[in-house]
Amino acid sequence: MGHIPCKAGWSRAAWLLCLSLSSAISVPGAIANDDGHGGAGEGVVVERLVQESRSWDGATLPAYPPGQPEVTVLRITIPAGVRLASHQHPVINAGVLLQGRLRVESRTGQVHELSAGDALVELVNRSHRGISLGPEPAVILVVYAGAKGVPTTVLDKPSPKTGL
């Protein structure tokens, strides 16, 4: 790690800034762990799981829908071996897999696999499905950032080619 040499003769403010920066540089992640919640000195650790402007397949996220904003948080439990029906999300959403293993497949054939602790930004307005890979259920916490009256999920009509 780096070191900032604090110099004799500096003002008190310069010394404090130098000491703060030296501490942050010598402690990995110290600045990243205090994102403004103000609890780093109390042992609070903030870990950014995901911050993205693109979904897991690389597509740019759309604008938020017009209207009164509405946030929905769901804990979804998918038994081992279950394949969800193909669906779309008309709103931006992101999830964290709390337990199990999950494979997400897009209608275009792209695949993304998650293990417990992994986060992802979901596809928006594009067909996909999740498959719980087992041996335990996949449990995912999903946060949807939508608008009042807009559904979080819409089921697709199956494609004769892919079954998705």
N, C-alpha and C. Protein backbone atom coordinates (compact mmCIF):
# COMPACT_ATOMS: atom_id res chain seq x y z
N MET A 1 0.83 -1.18 0.00
CA MET A 1 0.00 0.00 0.00
C MET A 1 0.88 1.25 0.00
N GLY A 2 0.30 2.37 -0.42
CA GLY A 2 1.05 3.61 -0.49
C GLY A 2 1.17 4.30 0.85
N HIS A 3 1.99 5.35 0.90
CA HIS A 3 2.19 6.11 2.11
C HIS A 3 2.31 7.57 1.71
N ILE A 4 1.65 8.44 2.45
CA ILE A 4 1.76 9.87 2.19
C ILE A 4 2.62 10.47 3.29
N PRO A 5 3.78 11.05 2.96
CA PRO A 5 4.65 11.62 3.99
C PRO A 5 4.10 12.96 4.46
N CYS A 6 3.65 13.02 5.71
CA CYS A 6 3.16 14.27 6.30
C CYS A 6 4.38 15.09 6.72
N LYS A 7 4.40 16.37 6.43
CA LYS A 7 5.57 17.23 6.62
C LYS A 7 5.42 18.13 7.85
N ALA A 8 6.53 18.34 8.55
CA ALA A 8 6.57 19.27 9.66
C ALA A 8 6.31 20.67 9.13
N GLY A 9 5.63 21.48 9.90
CA GLY A 9 5.37 22.85 9.49
C GLY A 9 4.04 23.03 8.77
N TRP A 10 3.33 21.93 8.50
CA TRP A 10 2.03 22.04 7.86
C TRP A 10 1.00 22.55 8.86
N SER A 11 -0.05 23.13 8.34
CA SER A 11 -1.15 23.57 9.20
C SER A 11 -1.86 22.36 9.79
N ARG A 12 -2.64 22.60 10.83
CA ARG A 12 -3.38 21.49 11.48
C ARG A 12 -4.31 20.81 10.46
N ALA A 13 -4.99 21.59 9.63
CA ALA A 13 -5.91 21.03 8.63
C ALA A 13 -5.15 20.15 7.64
N ALA A 14 -3.96 20.60 7.22
CA ALA A 14 -3.16 19.81 6.27
C ALA A 14 -2.71 18.50 6.92
N TRP A 15 -2.31 18.57 8.19
CA TRP A 15 -1.92 17.36 8.92
C TRP A 15 -3.08 16.37 9.01
N LEU A 16 -4.25 16.86 9.37
CA LEU A 16 -5.42 15.99 9.51
C LEU A 16 -5.75 15.33 8.17
N LEU A 17 -5.71 16.11 7.11
CA LEU A 17 -5.99 15.56 5.78
C LEU A 17 -4.93 14.52 5.42
N CYS A 18 -3.68 14.82 5.68
CA CYS A 18 -2.60 13.88 5.36
C CYS A 18 -2.77 12.58 6.14
N LEU A 19 -3.05 12.68 7.44
CA LEU A 19 -3.24 11.48 8.26
C LEU A 19 -4.44 10.67 7.79
N SER A 20 -5.51 11.35 7.43
CA SER A 20 -6.71 10.65 6.95
C SER A 20 -6.42 9.90 5.67
N LEU A 21 -5.75 10.56 4.74
CA LEU A 21 -5.43 9.91 3.47
C LEU A 21 -4.44 8.78 3.67
N SER A 22 -3.46 8.96 4.56
CA SER A 22 -2.50 7.89 4.83
C SER A 22 -3.20 6.67 5.39
N SER A 23 -4.14 6.87 6.30
CA SER A 23 -4.89 5.75 6.88
C SER A 23 -5.72 5.05 5.81
N ALA A 24 -6.36 5.83 4.97
CA ALA A 24 -7.22 5.24 3.94
C ALA A 24 -6.41 4.43 2.94
N ILE A 25 -5.22 4.92 2.61
CA ILE A 25 -4.39 4.21 1.64
C ILE A 25 -3.81 2.94 2.25
N SER A 26 -3.47 2.98 3.53
CA SER A 26 -2.84 1.82 4.13
C SER A 26 -3.84 0.76 4.58
N VAL A 27 -5.13 1.08 4.63
CA VAL A 27 -6.16 0.10 4.99
C VAL A 27 -6.98 -0.19 3.74
N PRO A 28 -6.87 -1.39 3.16
CA PRO A 28 -7.58 -1.69 1.91
C PRO A 28 -9.08 -1.45 2.04
N GLY A 29 -9.63 -0.71 1.08
CA GLY A 29 -11.08 -0.52 1.02
C GLY A 29 -11.65 0.45 2.02
N ALA A 30 -10.81 1.17 2.79
CA ALA A 30 -11.34 2.02 3.85
C ALA A 30 -12.24 3.12 3.28
N ILE A 31 -11.82 3.74 2.20
CA ILE A 31 -12.66 4.80 1.64
C ILE A 31 -13.92 4.19 1.02
N ALA A 32 -13.78 3.09 0.32
CA ALA A 32 -14.92 2.44 -0.33
C ALA A 32 -15.94 1.94 0.70
N ASN A 33 -15.48 1.57 1.91
CA ASN A 33 -16.38 1.03 2.91
C ASN A 33 -17.23 2.08 3.60
N ASP A 34 -16.88 3.35 3.49
CA ASP A 34 -17.71 4.39 4.08
C ASP A 34 -18.27 5.22 2.94
N ASP A 35 -19.48 4.86 2.52
CA ASP A 35 -20.08 5.52 1.36
C ASP A 35 -20.95 6.70 1.77
N GLY A 36 -20.73 7.23 2.94
CA GLY A 36 -21.53 8.36 3.39
C GLY A 36 -22.49 7.99 4.50
N HIS A 37 -22.56 6.72 4.86
CA HIS A 37 -23.41 6.31 5.98
C HIS A 37 -22.81 6.76 7.31
N GLY A 38 -21.51 7.07 7.32
CA GLY A 38 -20.87 7.64 8.48
C GLY A 38 -20.58 6.68 9.61
N GLY A 39 -20.58 5.39 9.36
CA GLY A 39 -20.36 4.44 10.43
C GLY A 39 -19.04 3.71 10.38
N ALA A 40 -18.13 4.11 9.49
CA ALA A 40 -16.86 3.38 9.35
C ALA A 40 -16.09 3.35 10.66
N GLY A 41 -16.11 4.44 11.41
CA GLY A 41 -15.42 4.49 12.69
C GLY A 41 -16.06 3.62 13.75
N GLU A 42 -17.28 3.20 13.53
CA GLU A 42 -18.01 2.34 14.47
C GLU A 42 -17.99 0.87 14.03
N GLY A 43 -17.21 0.57 13.01
CA GLY A 43 -17.13 -0.81 12.55
C GLY A 43 -18.13 -1.17 11.47
N VAL A 44 -18.89 -0.19 11.00
CA VAL A 44 -19.86 -0.44 9.93
C VAL A 44 -19.10 -0.66 8.63
N VAL A 45 -19.44 -1.71 7.92
CA VAL A 45 -18.80 -2.01 6.64
C VAL A 45 -19.87 -1.96 5.56
N VAL A 46 -19.63 -1.16 4.55
CA VAL A 46 -20.54 -1.06 3.41
C VAL A 46 -19.86 -1.74 2.23
N GLU A 47 -20.49 -2.77 1.70
CA GLU A 47 -19.93 -3.51 0.57
C GLU A 47 -20.85 -3.34 -0.63
N ARG A 48 -20.35 -2.68 -1.65
CA ARG A 48 -21.15 -2.49 -2.87
C ARG A 48 -21.16 -3.81 -3.63
N LEU A 49 -22.34 -4.38 -3.79
CA LEU A 49 -22.46 -5.65 -4.50
C LEU A 49 -22.55 -5.45 -6.00
N VAL A 50 -23.23 -4.43 -6.41
CA VAL A 50 -23.32 -4.13 -7.84
C VAL A 50 -23.73 -2.66 -8.00
N GLN A 51 -23.15 -2.00 -8.99
CA GLN A 51 -23.55 -0.66 -9.40
C GLN A 51 -23.34 -0.64 -10.90
N GLU A 52 -24.42 -0.61 -11.64
CA GLU A 52 -24.33 -0.81 -13.08
C GLU A 52 -25.32 0.06 -13.83
N SER A 53 -24.98 0.37 -15.05
CA SER A 53 -25.90 1.03 -15.97
C SER A 53 -26.27 0.07 -17.11
N ARG A 54 -25.85 -1.19 -16.95
CA ARG A 54 -26.13 -2.23 -17.94
C ARG A 54 -26.62 -3.48 -17.24
N SER A 55 -27.42 -4.27 -17.94
CA SER A 55 -27.88 -5.55 -17.40
C SER A 55 -26.78 -6.58 -17.56
N TRP A 56 -26.99 -7.79 -17.02
CA TRP A 56 -25.94 -8.81 -17.02
C TRP A 56 -25.47 -9.21 -18.41
N ASP A 57 -26.28 -8.98 -19.43
CA ASP A 57 -25.86 -9.33 -20.79
C ASP A 57 -25.17 -8.17 -21.52
N GLY A 58 -24.98 -7.04 -20.82
CA GLY A 58 -24.27 -5.91 -21.40
C GLY A 58 -25.15 -4.84 -22.02
N ALA A 59 -26.46 -5.06 -22.08
CA ALA A 59 -27.36 -4.07 -22.68
C ALA A 59 -27.54 -2.88 -21.73
N THR A 60 -27.59 -1.68 -22.30
CA THR A 60 -27.81 -0.47 -21.51
C THR A 60 -29.20 -0.49 -20.91
N LEU A 61 -29.30 -0.11 -19.64
CA LEU A 61 -30.61 -0.07 -18.98
C LEU A 61 -31.46 1.06 -19.56
N PRO A 62 -32.77 0.84 -19.65
CA PRO A 62 -33.66 1.88 -20.17
C PRO A 62 -33.93 2.94 -19.11
N ALA A 63 -34.60 4.00 -19.53
CA ALA A 63 -35.03 5.03 -18.58
C ALA A 63 -36.10 4.44 -17.66
N TYR A 64 -36.23 5.03 -16.49
CA TYR A 64 -37.30 4.60 -15.59
C TYR A 64 -38.65 4.95 -16.20
N PRO A 65 -39.67 4.16 -15.89
CA PRO A 65 -40.99 4.47 -16.45
C PRO A 65 -41.54 5.77 -15.84
N PRO A 66 -42.39 6.47 -16.60
CA PRO A 66 -42.98 7.69 -16.06
C PRO A 66 -44.00 7.34 -14.97
N GLY A 67 -44.33 8.32 -14.16
CA GLY A 67 -45.34 8.12 -13.11
C GLY A 67 -44.74 8.12 -11.73
N GLN A 68 -45.59 7.82 -10.75
CA GLN A 68 -45.17 7.78 -9.35
C GLN A 68 -44.21 6.61 -9.13
N PRO A 69 -42.97 6.87 -8.70
CA PRO A 69 -42.04 5.77 -8.46
C PRO A 69 -42.58 4.79 -7.42
N GLU A 70 -42.27 3.52 -7.63
CA GLU A 70 -42.66 2.49 -6.68
C GLU A 70 -41.55 1.44 -6.62
N VAL A 71 -41.08 1.16 -5.42
CA VAL A 71 -40.03 0.15 -5.20
C VAL A 71 -40.69 -1.09 -4.62
N THR A 72 -40.35 -2.25 -5.18
CA THR A 72 -40.86 -3.54 -4.69
C THR A 72 -39.66 -4.41 -4.37
N VAL A 73 -39.69 -5.05 -3.20
CA VAL A 73 -38.63 -5.96 -2.79
C VAL A 73 -39.25 -7.34 -2.60
N LEU A 74 -38.73 -8.34 -3.32
CA LEU A 74 -39.26 -9.70 -3.24
C LEU A 74 -38.16 -10.68 -2.85
N ARG A 75 -38.51 -11.63 -2.01
CA ARG A 75 -37.64 -12.78 -1.75
C ARG A 75 -38.29 -13.93 -2.50
N ILE A 76 -37.58 -14.47 -3.49
CA ILE A 76 -38.12 -15.51 -4.36
C ILE A 76 -37.37 -16.81 -4.06
N THR A 77 -38.12 -17.87 -3.72
CA THR A 77 -37.54 -19.17 -3.44
C THR A 77 -37.92 -20.13 -4.57
N ILE A 78 -36.91 -20.67 -5.24
CA ILE A 78 -37.14 -21.57 -6.38
C ILE A 78 -36.60 -22.95 -5.98
N PRO A 79 -37.47 -23.95 -5.83
CA PRO A 79 -37.00 -25.28 -5.44
C PRO A 79 -35.96 -25.82 -6.43
N ALA A 80 -35.06 -26.65 -5.92
CA ALA A 80 -34.01 -27.25 -6.75
C ALA A 80 -34.62 -27.95 -7.95
N GLY A 81 -34.05 -27.70 -9.13
CA GLY A 81 -34.49 -28.35 -10.36
C GLY A 81 -35.63 -27.64 -11.08
N VAL A 82 -36.24 -26.64 -10.46
CA VAL A 82 -37.37 -25.94 -11.09
C VAL A 82 -36.87 -24.92 -12.12
N ARG A 83 -37.55 -24.93 -13.28
CA ARG A 83 -37.30 -23.96 -14.35
C ARG A 83 -38.47 -22.99 -14.36
N LEU A 84 -38.20 -21.72 -14.14
CA LEU A 84 -39.27 -20.73 -14.21
C LEU A 84 -39.73 -20.57 -15.65
N ALA A 85 -40.96 -20.15 -15.80
CA ALA A 85 -41.47 -19.84 -17.14
C ALA A 85 -40.73 -18.63 -17.68
N SER A 86 -40.61 -18.57 -18.99
CA SER A 86 -39.98 -17.42 -19.63
C SER A 86 -40.80 -16.18 -19.32
N HIS A 87 -40.10 -15.11 -18.99
CA HIS A 87 -40.79 -13.88 -18.60
C HIS A 87 -39.91 -12.66 -18.91
N GLN A 88 -40.50 -11.49 -18.73
CA GLN A 88 -39.80 -10.22 -18.91
C GLN A 88 -40.10 -9.34 -17.71
N HIS A 89 -39.20 -8.39 -17.46
CA HIS A 89 -39.44 -7.38 -16.44
C HIS A 89 -39.53 -6.03 -17.14
N PRO A 90 -40.67 -5.34 -17.04
CA PRO A 90 -40.79 -4.03 -17.67
C PRO A 90 -40.14 -2.91 -16.85
N VAL A 91 -39.53 -3.27 -15.71
CA VAL A 91 -38.88 -2.27 -14.87
C VAL A 91 -37.47 -2.74 -14.52
N ILE A 92 -36.60 -1.79 -14.21
CA ILE A 92 -35.24 -2.10 -13.80
C ILE A 92 -35.27 -2.84 -12.48
N ASN A 93 -34.45 -3.88 -12.37
CA ASN A 93 -34.36 -4.63 -11.12
C ASN A 93 -33.00 -5.25 -10.97
N ALA A 94 -32.65 -5.51 -9.72
CA ALA A 94 -31.37 -6.15 -9.40
C ALA A 94 -31.60 -7.11 -8.25
N GLY A 95 -30.80 -8.16 -8.21
CA GLY A 95 -30.98 -9.15 -7.17
C GLY A 95 -29.67 -9.65 -6.60
N VAL A 96 -29.79 -10.27 -5.42
CA VAL A 96 -28.67 -10.93 -4.76
C VAL A 96 -29.12 -12.34 -4.43
N LEU A 97 -28.36 -13.33 -4.89
CA LEU A 97 -28.68 -14.71 -4.58
C LEU A 97 -28.23 -14.98 -3.14
N LEU A 98 -29.19 -15.27 -2.28
CA LEU A 98 -28.91 -15.50 -0.87
C LEU A 98 -28.50 -16.93 -0.59
N GLN A 99 -29.01 -17.86 -1.39
CA GLN A 99 -28.78 -19.29 -1.14
C GLN A 99 -28.87 -20.04 -2.45
N GLY A 100 -28.12 -21.12 -2.57
CA GLY A 100 -28.25 -22.00 -3.72
C GLY A 100 -27.44 -21.55 -4.92
N ARG A 101 -27.83 -22.13 -6.07
CA ARG A 101 -27.21 -21.80 -7.35
C ARG A 101 -28.33 -21.55 -8.35
N LEU A 102 -28.14 -20.58 -9.23
CA LEU A 102 -29.17 -20.18 -10.18
C LEU A 102 -28.54 -19.91 -11.53
N ARG A 103 -29.16 -20.44 -12.58
CA ARG A 103 -28.74 -20.12 -13.94
C ARG A 103 -29.85 -19.30 -14.56
N VAL A 104 -29.46 -18.18 -15.20
CA VAL A 104 -30.41 -17.33 -15.91
C VAL A 104 -30.09 -17.46 -17.39
N GLU A 105 -31.11 -17.77 -18.18
CA GLU A 105 -30.95 -17.95 -19.62
C GLU A 105 -31.81 -16.95 -20.37
N SER A 106 -31.22 -16.27 -21.34
CA SER A 106 -32.00 -15.35 -22.17
C SER A 106 -32.56 -16.11 -23.36
N ARG A 107 -33.56 -15.55 -23.99
CA ARG A 107 -34.15 -16.17 -25.17
C ARG A 107 -33.14 -16.23 -26.32
N THR A 108 -32.13 -15.34 -26.28
CA THR A 108 -31.12 -15.32 -27.34
C THR A 108 -29.99 -16.30 -27.08
N GLY A 109 -30.05 -17.05 -25.97
CA GLY A 109 -29.06 -18.08 -25.70
C GLY A 109 -27.96 -17.68 -24.74
N GLN A 110 -27.96 -16.46 -24.25
CA GLN A 110 -26.95 -16.06 -23.28
C GLN A 110 -27.27 -16.68 -21.92
N VAL A 111 -26.23 -17.01 -21.17
CA VAL A 111 -26.39 -17.68 -19.88
C VAL A 111 -25.54 -16.96 -18.83
N HIS A 112 -26.11 -16.84 -17.63
CA HIS A 112 -25.39 -16.25 -16.50
C HIS A 112 -25.66 -17.12 -15.29
N GLU A 113 -24.61 -17.63 -14.64
CA GLU A 113 -24.78 -18.48 -13.47
C GLU A 113 -24.36 -17.74 -12.21
N LEU A 114 -25.15 -17.95 -11.15
CA LEU A 114 -24.89 -17.30 -9.88
C LEU A 114 -24.77 -18.33 -8.77
N SER A 115 -23.95 -18.00 -7.80
CA SER A 115 -23.83 -18.77 -6.56
C SER A 115 -24.22 -17.84 -5.42
N ALA A 116 -24.48 -18.40 -4.26
CA ALA A 116 -24.88 -17.60 -3.10
C ALA A 116 -23.90 -16.44 -2.90
N GLY A 117 -24.47 -15.24 -2.74
CA GLY A 117 -23.66 -14.04 -2.54
C GLY A 117 -23.48 -13.22 -3.80
N ASP A 118 -23.74 -13.81 -4.98
CA ASP A 118 -23.58 -13.08 -6.24
C ASP A 118 -24.75 -12.13 -6.46
N ALA A 119 -24.45 -10.99 -7.07
CA ALA A 119 -25.47 -10.00 -7.42
C ALA A 119 -25.52 -9.84 -8.94
N LEU A 120 -26.69 -9.43 -9.43
CA LEU A 120 -26.80 -9.14 -10.85
C LEU A 120 -27.87 -8.10 -11.11
N VAL A 121 -27.71 -7.39 -12.23
CA VAL A 121 -28.74 -6.50 -12.73
C VAL A 121 -29.44 -7.27 -13.84
N GLU A 122 -30.75 -7.42 -13.69
CA GLU A 122 -31.54 -8.27 -14.59
C GLU A 122 -31.78 -7.62 -15.95
N LEU A 123 -32.21 -8.46 -16.88
CA LEU A 123 -32.63 -7.99 -18.21
C LEU A 123 -33.94 -7.22 -18.05
N VAL A 124 -34.10 -6.18 -18.85
CA VAL A 124 -35.33 -5.38 -18.83
C VAL A 124 -35.97 -5.47 -20.21
N ASN A 125 -37.25 -5.82 -20.24
CA ASN A 125 -38.03 -5.93 -21.48
C ASN A 125 -37.47 -6.95 -22.46
N ARG A 126 -36.76 -7.96 -21.94
CA ARG A 126 -36.24 -9.03 -22.78
C ARG A 126 -36.48 -10.36 -22.08
N SER A 127 -36.87 -11.34 -22.85
CA SER A 127 -37.26 -12.65 -22.31
C SER A 127 -36.08 -13.41 -21.72
N HIS A 128 -36.36 -14.05 -20.59
CA HIS A 128 -35.37 -14.88 -19.93
C HIS A 128 -36.08 -15.78 -18.93
N ARG A 129 -35.34 -16.73 -18.35
CA ARG A 129 -35.89 -17.58 -17.30
C ARG A 129 -34.77 -17.96 -16.35
N GLY A 130 -35.17 -18.34 -15.14
CA GLY A 130 -34.21 -18.81 -14.14
C GLY A 130 -34.40 -20.29 -13.91
N ILE A 131 -33.29 -20.97 -13.59
CA ILE A 131 -33.31 -22.40 -13.29
C ILE A 131 -32.52 -22.61 -12.01
N SER A 132 -33.17 -23.18 -11.00
CA SER A 132 -32.50 -23.50 -9.75
C SER A 132 -31.68 -24.76 -9.95
N LEU A 133 -30.36 -24.65 -9.79
CA LEU A 133 -29.45 -25.75 -10.10
C LEU A 133 -29.28 -26.75 -8.96
N GLY A 134 -29.82 -26.43 -7.77
CA GLY A 134 -29.73 -27.36 -6.64
C GLY A 134 -28.33 -27.45 -6.08
N PRO A 135 -28.12 -28.31 -5.12
CA PRO A 135 -29.07 -29.28 -4.57
C PRO A 135 -30.08 -28.66 -3.61
N GLU A 136 -29.86 -27.41 -3.19
CA GLU A 136 -30.81 -26.74 -2.31
C GLU A 136 -31.61 -25.72 -3.13
N PRO A 137 -32.72 -25.21 -2.59
CA PRO A 137 -33.47 -24.18 -3.31
C PRO A 137 -32.61 -22.94 -3.56
N ALA A 138 -32.89 -22.25 -4.63
CA ALA A 138 -32.26 -20.95 -4.89
C ALA A 138 -33.16 -19.89 -4.26
N VAL A 139 -32.57 -19.03 -3.45
CA VAL A 139 -33.32 -17.95 -2.82
C VAL A 139 -32.68 -16.65 -3.26
N ILE A 140 -33.46 -15.81 -3.93
CA ILE A 140 -32.92 -14.55 -4.44
C ILE A 140 -33.76 -13.39 -3.93
N LEU A 141 -33.09 -12.35 -3.48
CA LEU A 141 -33.74 -11.11 -3.05
C LEU A 141 -33.64 -10.15 -4.22
N VAL A 142 -34.80 -9.68 -4.70
CA VAL A 142 -34.83 -8.82 -5.89
C VAL A 142 -35.49 -7.49 -5.54
N VAL A 143 -34.85 -6.40 -5.98
CA VAL A 143 -35.39 -5.06 -5.80
C VAL A 143 -35.77 -4.52 -7.17
N TYR A 144 -37.04 -4.17 -7.31
CA TYR A 144 -37.58 -3.62 -8.56
C TYR A 144 -37.79 -2.12 -8.38
N ALA A 145 -37.27 -1.31 -9.31
CA ALA A 145 -37.46 0.14 -9.29
C ALA A 145 -38.38 0.49 -10.45
N GLY A 146 -39.67 0.58 -10.15
CA GLY A 146 -40.64 0.80 -11.21
C GLY A 146 -41.52 2.00 -10.94
N ALA A 147 -42.76 1.90 -11.39
CA ALA A 147 -43.74 2.97 -11.21
C ALA A 147 -45.06 2.33 -10.80
N LYS A 148 -45.82 3.06 -10.03
CA LYS A 148 -47.11 2.57 -9.56
C LYS A 148 -47.96 2.13 -10.75
N GLY A 149 -48.52 0.92 -10.65
CA GLY A 149 -49.37 0.39 -11.71
C GLY A 149 -48.64 -0.39 -12.78
N VAL A 150 -47.31 -0.37 -12.77
CA VAL A 150 -46.53 -1.12 -13.76
C VAL A 150 -46.12 -2.45 -13.12
N PRO A 151 -46.43 -3.58 -13.75
CA PRO A 151 -46.07 -4.88 -13.14
C PRO A 151 -44.56 -5.06 -13.09
N THR A 152 -44.11 -5.89 -12.16
CA THR A 152 -42.68 -6.18 -12.07
C THR A 152 -42.28 -7.29 -13.05
N THR A 153 -43.22 -8.18 -13.37
CA THR A 153 -42.93 -9.33 -14.22
C THR A 153 -44.11 -9.63 -15.13
N VAL A 154 -43.83 -9.98 -16.37
CA VAL A 154 -44.86 -10.35 -17.34
C VAL A 154 -44.44 -11.67 -17.98
N LEU A 155 -45.31 -12.69 -17.91
CA LEU A 155 -45.00 -13.99 -18.52
C LEU A 155 -45.05 -13.91 -20.03
N ASP A 156 -44.14 -14.64 -20.70
CA ASP A 156 -44.10 -14.71 -22.16
C ASP A 156 -44.97 -15.84 -22.66
N LYS A 157 -45.31 -15.75 -23.93
CA LYS A 157 -45.88 -16.90 -24.62
C LYS A 157 -44.67 -17.72 -25.08
N PRO A 158 -44.66 -19.05 -24.83
CA PRO A 158 -43.48 -19.85 -25.20
C PRO A 158 -43.17 -19.79 -26.69
N SER A 159 -41.86 -19.74 -27.00
CA SER A 159 -41.40 -19.77 -28.37
C SER A 159 -41.38 -21.20 -28.86
N PRO A 160 -41.95 -21.50 -30.03
CA PRO A 160 -41.92 -22.86 -30.53
C PRO A 160 -40.49 -23.37 -30.77
N LYS A 161 -39.53 -22.47 -31.06
CA LYS A 161 -38.16 -22.87 -31.33
C LYS A 161 -37.40 -23.28 -30.07
N THR A 162 -37.49 -22.46 -29.02
CA THR A 162 -36.61 -22.66 -27.85
C THR A 162 -37.33 -23.17 -26.61
N GLY A 163 -38.67 -23.02 -26.58
CA GLY A 163 -39.40 -23.37 -25.37
C GLY A 163 -39.31 -22.28 -24.32
N LEU A 164 -38.56 -21.25 -24.62
CA LEU A 164 -38.44 -20.10 -23.69
C LEU A 164 -39.54 -19.10 -23.97
